[in-house]
């Protein structure tokens, strides 16, 4: 049985925070090519990247939204039936 989505998110977050905190406490283990500001602002970058992923995911879902032609036909017939019923009751549309 796999983990639930929040459990995966929580485990990744705890792992990220543990690594980030370790790097903040031990700056001597950071390679020479990585600036100190990258490590210091890593949580901010993680939030920005998560936001970009969320916007992209929502946009992709909206572009690939599946239409339901059967449901559209059913709604059209229900609207026609409702109009007929209203005309029988004397309501003019």
PDB file of N, CA and C in Angstrom:
ATOM      1  N   UNK A   1       0.852  -1.177   0.000  1.00  0.00           N
ATOM      2  CA  UNK A   1       0.000   0.000   0.000  1.00  0.00           C
ATOM      3  C   UNK A   1       0.896   1.236   0.000  1.00  0.00           C
ATOM      4  N   UNK A   2       0.620   2.140  -0.918  1.00  0.00           N
ATOM      5  CA  UNK A   2       1.431   3.348  -1.042  1.00  0.00           C
ATOM      6  C   UNK A   2       1.023   4.414  -0.034  1.00  0.00           C
ATOM      7  N   UNK A   3       1.853   5.408   0.035  1.00  0.00           N
ATOM      8  CA  UNK A   3       1.571   6.523   0.932  1.00  0.00           C
ATOM      9  C   UNK A   3       0.519   7.441   0.325  1.00  0.00           C
ATOM     10  N   UNK A   4      -0.210   8.100   1.185  1.00  0.00           N
ATOM     11  CA  UNK A   4      -1.160   9.099   0.724  1.00  0.00           C
ATOM     12  C   UNK A   4      -0.400  10.343   0.283  1.00  0.00           C
ATOM     13  N   UNK A   5      -1.071  11.206  -0.459  1.00  0.00           N
ATOM     14  CA  UNK A   5      -0.404  12.378  -1.025  1.00  0.00           C
ATOM     15  C   UNK A   5       0.172  13.288   0.059  1.00  0.00           C
ATOM     16  N   UNK A   6      -0.588  13.514   1.129  1.00  0.00           N
ATOM     17  CA  UNK A   6      -0.075  14.396   2.184  1.00  0.00           C
ATOM     18  C   UNK A   6       1.110  13.761   2.899  1.00  0.00           C
ATOM     19  N   UNK A   7       1.127  12.436   2.989  1.00  0.00           N
ATOM     20  CA  UNK A   7       2.253  11.763   3.623  1.00  0.00           C
ATOM     21  C   UNK A   7       3.521  11.912   2.774  1.00  0.00           C
ATOM     22  N   UNK A   8       3.374  11.796   1.459  1.00  0.00           N
ATOM     23  CA  UNK A   8       4.529  12.013   0.577  1.00  0.00           C
ATOM     24  C   UNK A   8       5.035  13.451   0.683  1.00  0.00           C
ATOM     25  N   UNK A   9       4.106  14.394   0.657  1.00  0.00           N
ATOM     26  CA  UNK A   9       4.487  15.805   0.766  1.00  0.00           C
ATOM     27  C   UNK A   9       5.185  16.063   2.097  1.00  0.00           C
ATOM     28  N   UNK A  10       4.649  15.523   3.170  1.00  0.00           N
ATOM     29  CA  UNK A  10       5.241  15.715   4.490  1.00  0.00           C
ATOM     30  C   UNK A  10       6.636  15.092   4.578  1.00  0.00           C
ATOM     31  N   UNK A  11       6.799  13.903   4.030  1.00  0.00           N
ATOM     32  CA  UNK A  11       8.114  13.256   4.093  1.00  0.00           C
ATOM     33  C   UNK A  11       9.148  14.029   3.272  1.00  0.00           C
ATOM     34  N   UNK A  12       8.749  14.523   2.089  1.00  0.00           N
ATOM     35  CA  UNK A  12       9.681  15.323   1.291  1.00  0.00           C
ATOM     36  C   UNK A  12      10.019  16.642   1.985  1.00  0.00           C
ATOM     37  N   UNK A  13       9.027  17.251   2.616  1.00  0.00           N
ATOM     38  CA  UNK A  13       9.253  18.515   3.309  1.00  0.00           C
ATOM     39  C   UNK A  13      10.199  18.338   4.496  1.00  0.00           C
ATOM     40  N   UNK A  14       9.983  17.306   5.281  1.00  0.00           N
ATOM     41  CA  UNK A  14      10.848  17.054   6.442  1.00  0.00           C
ATOM     42  C   UNK A  14      12.276  16.766   5.979  1.00  0.00           C
ATOM     43  N   UNK A  15      12.420  15.990   4.915  1.00  0.00           N
ATOM     44  CA  UNK A  15      13.747  15.687   4.391  1.00  0.00           C
ATOM     45  C   UNK A  15      14.447  16.963   3.900  1.00  0.00           C
ATOM     46  N   UNK A  16      13.706  17.798   3.160  1.00  0.00           N
ATOM     47  CA  UNK A  16      14.265  19.048   2.654  1.00  0.00           C
ATOM     48  C   UNK A  16      14.697  19.954   3.801  1.00  0.00           C
ATOM     49  N   UNK A  17      13.850  20.096   4.818  1.00  0.00           N
ATOM     50  CA  UNK A  17      14.174  20.965   5.955  1.00  0.00           C
ATOM     51  C   UNK A  17      15.372  20.430   6.731  1.00  0.00           C
ATOM     52  N   UNK A  18      15.452  19.104   6.880  1.00  0.00           N
ATOM     53  CA  UNK A  18      16.590  18.519   7.597  1.00  0.00           C
ATOM     54  C   UNK A  18      17.909  18.794   6.861  1.00  0.00           C
ATOM     55  N   UNK A  19      17.897  18.617   5.541  1.00  0.00           N
ATOM     56  CA  UNK A  19      19.112  18.873   4.755  1.00  0.00           C
ATOM     57  C   UNK A  19      19.459  20.353   4.787  1.00  0.00           C
ATOM     58  N   UNK A  20      18.450  21.208   4.630  1.00  0.00           N
ATOM     59  CA  UNK A  20      18.677  22.661   4.632  1.00  0.00           C
ATOM     60  C   UNK A  20      19.235  23.126   5.975  1.00  0.00           C
ATOM     61  N   UNK A  21      18.668  22.643   7.076  1.00  0.00           N
ATOM     62  CA  UNK A  21      19.132  23.032   8.407  1.00  0.00           C
ATOM     63  C   UNK A  21      20.564  22.547   8.643  1.00  0.00           C
ATOM     64  N   UNK A  22      20.867  21.353   8.173  1.00  0.00           N
ATOM     65  CA  UNK A  22      22.228  20.830   8.314  1.00  0.00           C
ATOM     66  C   UNK A  22      23.226  21.691   7.544  1.00  0.00           C
ATOM     67  N   UNK A  23      22.835  22.105   6.342  1.00  0.00           N
ATOM     68  CA  UNK A  23      23.725  22.962   5.565  1.00  0.00           C
ATOM     69  C   UNK A  23      23.898  24.336   6.205  1.00  0.00           C
ATOM     70  N   UNK A  24      22.854  24.839   6.838  1.00  0.00           N
ATOM     71  CA  UNK A  24      22.978  26.129   7.519  1.00  0.00           C
ATOM     72  C   UNK A  24      23.893  26.039   8.733  1.00  0.00           C
ATOM     73  N   UNK A  25      23.823  24.922   9.458  1.00  0.00           N
ATOM     74  CA  UNK A  25      24.631  24.758  10.656  1.00  0.00           C
ATOM     75  C   UNK A  25      26.082  24.396  10.341  1.00  0.00           C
ATOM     76  N   UNK A  26      26.316  23.768   9.189  1.00  0.00           N
ATOM     77  CA  UNK A  26      27.671  23.337   8.807  1.00  0.00           C
ATOM     78  C   UNK A  26      28.018  23.905   7.435  1.00  0.00           C
ATOM     79  N   UNK A  27      28.331  25.170   7.345  1.00  0.00           N
ATOM     80  CA  UNK A  27      28.602  25.760   6.027  1.00  0.00           C
ATOM     81  C   UNK A  27      29.875  25.220   5.372  1.00  0.00           C
ATOM     82  N   UNK A  28      30.720  24.534   6.131  1.00  0.00           N
ATOM     83  CA  UNK A  28      31.949  24.009   5.549  1.00  0.00           C
ATOM     84  C   UNK A  28      31.696  22.811   4.638  1.00  0.00           C
ATOM     85  N   UNK A  29      30.512  22.183   4.711  1.00  0.00           N
ATOM     86  CA  UNK A  29      30.224  21.032   3.838  1.00  0.00           C
ATOM     87  C   UNK A  29      29.628  21.464   2.495  1.00  0.00           C
ATOM     88  N   UNK A  30      29.341  22.753   2.339  1.00  0.00           N
ATOM     89  CA  UNK A  30      28.796  23.265   1.085  1.00  0.00           C
ATOM     90  C   UNK A  30      29.938  23.348   0.074  1.00  0.00           C
ATOM     91  N   UNK A  31      29.742  22.807  -1.137  1.00  0.00           N
ATOM     92  CA  UNK A  31      30.808  22.899  -2.151  1.00  0.00           C
ATOM     93  C   UNK A  31      31.146  24.352  -2.483  1.00  0.00           C
ATOM     94  N   UNK A  32      32.361  24.564  -2.975  1.00  0.00           N
ATOM     95  CA  UNK A  32      32.862  25.916  -3.230  1.00  0.00           C
ATOM     96  C   UNK A  32      32.074  26.643  -4.321  1.00  0.00           C
ATOM     97  N   UNK A  33      31.520  25.933  -5.283  1.00  0.00           N
ATOM     98  CA  UNK A  33      30.833  26.569  -6.403  1.00  0.00           C
ATOM     99  C   UNK A  33      29.438  27.084  -6.055  1.00  0.00           C
ATOM    100  N   UNK A  34      28.896  26.714  -4.915  1.00  0.00           N
ATOM    101  CA  UNK A  34      27.534  27.120  -4.547  1.00  0.00           C
ATOM    102  C   UNK A  34      27.596  28.336  -3.632  1.00  0.00           C
ATOM    103  N   UNK A  35      26.981  29.443  -4.045  1.00  0.00           N
ATOM    104  CA  UNK A  35      26.986  30.637  -3.179  1.00  0.00           C
ATOM    105  C   UNK A  35      26.189  30.396  -1.894  1.00  0.00           C
ATOM    106  N   UNK A  36      26.555  31.127  -0.866  1.00  0.00           N
ATOM    107  CA  UNK A  36      25.890  30.977   0.433  1.00  0.00           C
ATOM    108  C   UNK A  36      24.423  31.400   0.360  1.00  0.00           C
ATOM    109  N   UNK A  37      24.102  32.365  -0.504  1.00  0.00           N
ATOM    110  CA  UNK A  37      22.721  32.848  -0.625  1.00  0.00           C
ATOM    111  C   UNK A  37      21.789  31.765  -1.167  1.00  0.00           C
ATOM    112  N   UNK A  38      22.312  30.862  -1.991  1.00  0.00           N
ATOM    113  CA  UNK A  38      21.479  29.782  -2.529  1.00  0.00           C
ATOM    114  C   UNK A  38      20.969  28.897  -1.398  1.00  0.00           C
ATOM    115  N   UNK A  39      21.847  28.575  -0.474  1.00  0.00           N
ATOM    116  CA  UNK A  39      21.457  27.731   0.655  1.00  0.00           C
ATOM    117  C   UNK A  39      20.545  28.508   1.597  1.00  0.00           C
ATOM    118  N   UNK A  40      20.856  29.764   1.831  1.00  0.00           N
ATOM    119  CA  UNK A  40      20.075  30.561   2.769  1.00  0.00           C
ATOM    120  C   UNK A  40      18.632  30.740   2.293  1.00  0.00           C
ATOM    121  N   UNK A  41      18.444  30.945   0.984  1.00  0.00           N
ATOM    122  CA  UNK A  41      17.103  31.191   0.448  1.00  0.00           C
ATOM    123  C   UNK A  41      16.471  29.964  -0.198  1.00  0.00           C
ATOM    124  N   UNK A  42      16.968  28.792   0.083  1.00  0.00           N
ATOM    125  CA  UNK A  42      16.427  27.561  -0.509  1.00  0.00           C
ATOM    126  C   UNK A  42      14.944  27.349  -0.200  1.00  0.00           C
ATOM    127  N   UNK A  43      14.446  27.603   1.022  1.00  0.00           N
ATOM    128  CA  UNK A  43      13.005  27.429   1.256  1.00  0.00           C
ATOM    129  C   UNK A  43      12.150  28.380   0.414  1.00  0.00           C
ATOM    130  N   UNK A  44      12.624  29.595   0.205  1.00  0.00           N
ATOM    131  CA  UNK A  44      11.886  30.538  -0.635  1.00  0.00           C
ATOM    132  C   UNK A  44      11.812  30.023  -2.068  1.00  0.00           C
ATOM    133  N   UNK A  45      12.928  29.518  -2.583  1.00  0.00           N
ATOM    134  CA  UNK A  45      12.929  28.962  -3.936  1.00  0.00           C
ATOM    135  C   UNK A  45      12.030  27.736  -4.024  1.00  0.00           C
ATOM    136  N   UNK A  46      12.003  26.941  -2.976  1.00  0.00           N
ATOM    137  CA  UNK A  46      11.129  25.760  -2.981  1.00  0.00           C
ATOM    138  C   UNK A  46       9.662  26.170  -3.057  1.00  0.00           C
ATOM    139  N   UNK A  47       9.288  27.230  -2.347  1.00  0.00           N
ATOM    140  CA  UNK A  47       7.900  27.711  -2.386  1.00  0.00           C
ATOM    141  C   UNK A  47       7.574  28.270  -3.768  1.00  0.00           C
ATOM    142  N   UNK A  48       8.504  28.996  -4.368  1.00  0.00           N
ATOM    143  CA  UNK A  48       8.282  29.552  -5.710  1.00  0.00           C
ATOM    144  C   UNK A  48       8.117  28.422  -6.728  1.00  0.00           C
ATOM    145  N   UNK A  49       8.963  27.420  -6.646  1.00  0.00           N
ATOM    146  CA  UNK A  49       8.880  26.292  -7.574  1.00  0.00           C
ATOM    147  C   UNK A  49       7.582  25.522  -7.369  1.00  0.00           C
ATOM    148  N   UNK A  50       7.164  25.342  -6.124  1.00  0.00           N
ATOM    149  CA  UNK A  50       5.894  24.671  -5.847  1.00  0.00           C
ATOM    150  C   UNK A  50       4.719  25.463  -6.420  1.00  0.00           C
ATOM    151  N   UNK A  51       4.769  26.783  -6.314  1.00  0.00           N
ATOM    152  CA  UNK A  51       3.720  27.621  -6.896  1.00  0.00           C
ATOM    153  C   UNK A  51       3.681  27.515  -8.412  1.00  0.00           C
ATOM    154  N   UNK A  52       4.849  27.511  -9.039  1.00  0.00           N
ATOM    155  CA  UNK A  52       4.906  27.355 -10.502  1.00  0.00           C
ATOM    156  C   UNK A  52       4.353  26.001 -10.925  1.00  0.00           C
ATOM    157  N   UNK A  53       4.681  24.973 -10.182  1.00  0.00           N
ATOM    158  CA  UNK A  53       4.147  23.647 -10.482  1.00  0.00           C
ATOM    159  C   UNK A  53       2.629  23.634 -10.353  1.00  0.00           C
ATOM    160  N   UNK A  54       2.095  24.280  -9.316  1.00  0.00           N
ATOM    161  CA  UNK A  54       0.644  24.301  -9.110  1.00  0.00           C
ATOM    162  C   UNK A  54      -0.055  25.023 -10.256  1.00  0.00           C
ATOM    163  N   UNK A  55       0.470  26.171 -10.664  1.00  0.00           N
ATOM    164  CA  UNK A  55      -0.140  26.930 -11.764  1.00  0.00           C
ATOM    165  C   UNK A  55      -0.069  26.134 -13.062  1.00  0.00           C
ATOM    166  N   UNK A  56       1.056  25.510 -13.326  1.00  0.00           N
ATOM    167  CA  UNK A  56       1.214  24.707 -14.532  1.00  0.00           C
ATOM    168  C   UNK A  56       0.272  23.511 -14.522  1.00  0.00           C
ATOM    169  N   UNK A  57       0.155  22.872 -13.384  1.00  0.00           N
ATOM    170  CA  UNK A  57      -0.728  21.707 -13.268  1.00  0.00           C
ATOM    171  C   UNK A  57      -2.187  22.091 -13.496  1.00  0.00           C
ATOM    172  N   UNK A  58      -2.608  23.208 -12.924  1.00  0.00           N
ATOM    173  CA  UNK A  58      -3.987  23.666 -13.118  1.00  0.00           C
ATOM    174  C   UNK A  58      -4.213  24.045 -14.581  1.00  0.00           C
ATOM    175  N   UNK A  59      -3.274  24.742 -15.190  1.00  0.00           N
ATOM    176  CA  UNK A  59      -3.405  25.116 -16.599  1.00  0.00           C
ATOM    177  C   UNK A  59      -3.482  23.906 -17.509  1.00  0.00           C
ATOM    178  N   UNK A  60      -2.640  22.919 -17.269  1.00  0.00           N
ATOM    179  CA  UNK A  60      -2.664  21.700 -18.082  1.00  0.00           C
ATOM    180  C   UNK A  60      -3.988  20.964 -17.917  1.00  0.00           C
ATOM    181  N   UNK A  61      -4.486  20.899 -16.685  1.00  0.00           N
ATOM    182  CA  UNK A  61      -5.762  20.221 -16.448  1.00  0.00           C
ATOM    183  C   UNK A  61      -6.910  20.940 -17.151  1.00  0.00           C
ATOM    184  N   UNK A  62      -6.852  22.262 -17.183  1.00  0.00           N
ATOM    185  CA  UNK A  62      -7.904  23.015 -17.872  1.00  0.00           C
ATOM    186  C   UNK A  62      -7.835  22.820 -19.382  1.00  0.00           C
ATOM    187  N   UNK A  63      -6.626  22.704 -19.926  1.00  0.00           N
ATOM    188  CA  UNK A  63      -6.486  22.526 -21.372  1.00  0.00           C
ATOM    189  C   UNK A  63      -6.906  21.129 -21.815  1.00  0.00           C
ATOM    190  N   UNK A  64      -6.741  20.135 -20.979  1.00  0.00           N
ATOM    191  CA  UNK A  64      -7.052  18.761 -21.363  1.00  0.00           C
ATOM    192  C   UNK A  64      -8.336  18.266 -20.727  1.00  0.00           C
ATOM    193  N   UNK A  65      -9.222  19.185 -20.341  1.00  0.00           N
ATOM    194  CA  UNK A  65     -10.478  18.811 -19.703  1.00  0.00           C
ATOM    195  C   UNK A  65     -11.321  18.018 -20.692  1.00  0.00           C
ATOM    196  N   UNK A  66     -11.795  16.858 -20.267  1.00  0.00           N
ATOM    197  CA  UNK A  66     -12.575  15.983 -21.141  1.00  0.00           C
ATOM    198  C   UNK A  66     -14.037  16.441 -21.180  1.00  0.00           C
ATOM    199  N   UNK A  67     -14.572  16.560 -22.405  1.00  0.00           N
ATOM    200  CA  UNK A  67     -15.976  16.911 -22.569  1.00  0.00           C
ATOM    201  C   UNK A  67     -16.831  15.658 -22.433  1.00  0.00           C
ATOM    202  N   UNK A  68     -18.081  15.864 -22.057  1.00  0.00           N
ATOM    203  CA  UNK A  68     -19.030  14.754 -21.911  1.00  0.00           C
ATOM    204  C   UNK A  68     -20.219  15.023 -22.827  1.00  0.00           C
ATOM    205  N   UNK A  69     -20.182  14.550 -24.073  1.00  0.00           N
ATOM    206  CA  UNK A  69     -21.279  14.839 -24.993  1.00  0.00           C
ATOM    207  C   UNK A  69     -22.603  14.225 -24.545  1.00  0.00           C
ATOM    208  N   UNK A  70     -22.547  13.071 -23.880  1.00  0.00           N
ATOM    209  CA  UNK A  70     -23.775  12.443 -23.400  1.00  0.00           C
ATOM    210  C   UNK A  70     -24.458  13.327 -22.353  1.00  0.00           C
ATOM    211  N   UNK A  71     -23.665  13.893 -21.463  1.00  0.00           N
ATOM    212  CA  UNK A  71     -24.228  14.762 -20.432  1.00  0.00           C
ATOM    213  C   UNK A  71     -24.797  16.031 -21.050  1.00  0.00           C
ATOM    214  N   UNK A  72     -24.146  16.550 -22.085  1.00  0.00           N
ATOM    215  CA  UNK A  72     -24.647  17.754 -22.754  1.00  0.00           C
ATOM    216  C   UNK A  72     -25.997  17.481 -23.414  1.00  0.00           C
ATOM    217  N   UNK A  73     -26.129  16.329 -24.062  1.00  0.00           N
ATOM    218  CA  UNK A  73     -27.410  15.964 -24.684  1.00  0.00           C
ATOM    219  C   UNK A  73     -28.497  15.794 -23.631  1.00  0.00           C
ATOM    220  N   UNK A  74     -28.143  15.187 -22.512  1.00  0.00           N
ATOM    221  CA  UNK A  74     -29.117  14.991 -21.438  1.00  0.00           C
ATOM    222  C   UNK A  74     -29.601  16.330 -20.883  1.00  0.00           C
ATOM    223  N   UNK A  75     -28.695  17.267 -20.721  1.00  0.00           N
ATOM    224  CA  UNK A  75     -29.085  18.583 -20.218  1.00  0.00           C
ATOM    225  C   UNK A  75     -29.972  19.298 -21.234  1.00  0.00           C
ATOM    226  N   UNK A  76     -29.658  19.174 -22.529  1.00  0.00           N
ATOM    227  CA  UNK A  76     -30.485  19.804 -23.559  1.00  0.00           C
ATOM    228  C   UNK A  76     -31.912  19.262 -23.534  1.00  0.00           C
ATOM    229  N   UNK A  77     -32.056  17.950 -23.394  1.00  0.00           N
ATOM    230  CA  UNK A  77     -33.409  17.369 -23.338  1.00  0.00           C
ATOM    231  C   UNK A  77     -34.139  17.821 -22.073  1.00  0.00           C
ATOM    232  N   UNK A  78     -33.431  17.937 -20.971  1.00  0.00           N
ATOM    233  CA  UNK A  78     -34.067  18.405 -19.738  1.00  0.00           C
ATOM    234  C   UNK A  78     -34.518  19.857 -19.869  1.00  0.00           C
ATOM    235  N   UNK A  79     -33.733  20.679 -20.555  1.00  0.00           N
ATOM    236  CA  UNK A  79     -34.119  22.078 -20.763  1.00  0.00           C
ATOM    237  C   UNK A  79     -35.364  22.147 -21.649  1.00  0.00           C
ATOM    238  N   UNK A  80     -35.397  21.339 -22.705  1.00  0.00           N
ATOM    239  CA  UNK A  80     -36.576  21.319 -23.584  1.00  0.00           C
ATOM    240  C   UNK A  80     -37.817  20.874 -22.823  1.00  0.00           C
ATOM    241  N   UNK A  81     -37.677  19.835 -21.998  1.00  0.00           N
ATOM    242  CA  UNK A  81     -38.806  19.357 -21.188  1.00  0.00           C
ATOM    243  C   UNK A  81     -39.273  20.429 -20.203  1.00  0.00           C
ATOM    244  N   UNK A  82     -38.328  21.150 -19.618  1.00  0.00           N
ATOM    245  CA  UNK A  82     -38.688  22.201 -18.667  1.00  0.00           C
ATOM    246  C   UNK A  82     -39.416  23.341 -19.376  1.00  0.00           C
ATOM    247  N   UNK A  83     -38.979  23.702 -20.587  1.00  0.00           N
ATOM    248  CA  UNK A  83     -39.657  24.750 -21.344  1.00  0.00           C
ATOM    249  C   UNK A  83     -41.083  24.339 -21.680  1.00  0.00           C
ATOM    250  N   UNK A  84     -41.273  23.094 -22.092  1.00  0.00           N
ATOM    251  CA  UNK A  84     -42.620  22.596 -22.407  1.00  0.00           C
ATOM    252  C   UNK A  84     -43.495  22.636 -21.161  1.00  0.00           C
ATOM    253  N   UNK A  85     -42.943  22.214 -20.049  1.00  0.00           N
ATOM    254  CA  UNK A  85     -43.700  22.215 -18.782  1.00  0.00           C
ATOM    255  C   UNK A  85     -44.077  23.643 -18.370  1.00  0.00           C
ATOM    256  N   UNK A  86     -43.176  24.576 -18.537  1.00  0.00           N
ATOM    257  CA  UNK A  86     -43.471  25.965 -18.194  1.00  0.00           C
ATOM    258  C   UNK A  86     -44.537  26.552 -19.128  1.00  0.00           C
ATOM    259  N   UNK A  87     -44.465  26.195 -20.426  1.00  0.00           N
ATOM    260  CA  UNK A  87     -45.491  26.675 -21.345  1.00  0.00           C
ATOM    261  C   UNK A  87     -46.874  26.115 -20.995  1.00  0.00           C
ATOM    262  N   UNK A  88     -46.934  24.865 -20.527  1.00  0.00           N
ATOM    263  CA  UNK A  88     -48.209  24.267 -20.093  1.00  0.00           C
ATOM    264  C   UNK A  88     -48.771  25.015 -18.897  1.00  0.00           C
ATOM    265  N   UNK A  89     -47.908  25.528 -18.057  1.00  0.00           N
ATOM    266  CA  UNK A  89     -48.361  26.240 -16.849  1.00  0.00           C
ATOM    267  C   UNK A  89     -48.643  27.712 -17.118  1.00  0.00           C
ATOM    268  N   UNK A  90     -48.408  28.152 -18.336  1.00  0.00           N
ATOM    269  CA  UNK A  90     -48.754  29.518 -18.690  1.00  0.00           C
ATOM    270  C   UNK A  90     -47.599  30.498 -18.564  1.00  0.00           C
ATOM    271  N   UNK A  91     -46.412  30.030 -18.388  1.00  0.00           N
ATOM    272  CA  UNK A  91     -45.262  30.923 -18.302  1.00  0.00           C
ATOM    273  C   UNK A  91     -44.682  31.093 -19.704  1.00  0.00           C
ATOM    274  N   UNK A  92     -44.587  32.359 -20.138  1.00  0.00           N
ATOM    275  CA  UNK A  92     -44.041  32.617 -21.469  1.00  0.00           C
ATOM    276  C   UNK A  92     -42.554  32.916 -21.359  1.00  0.00           C
ATOM    277  N   UNK A  93     -41.787  32.314 -22.265  1.00  0.00           N
ATOM    278  CA  UNK A  93     -40.322  32.505 -22.263  1.00  0.00           C
ATOM    279  C   UNK A  93     -39.904  33.392 -23.392  1.00  0.00           C
TER     280      UNK A  93
END
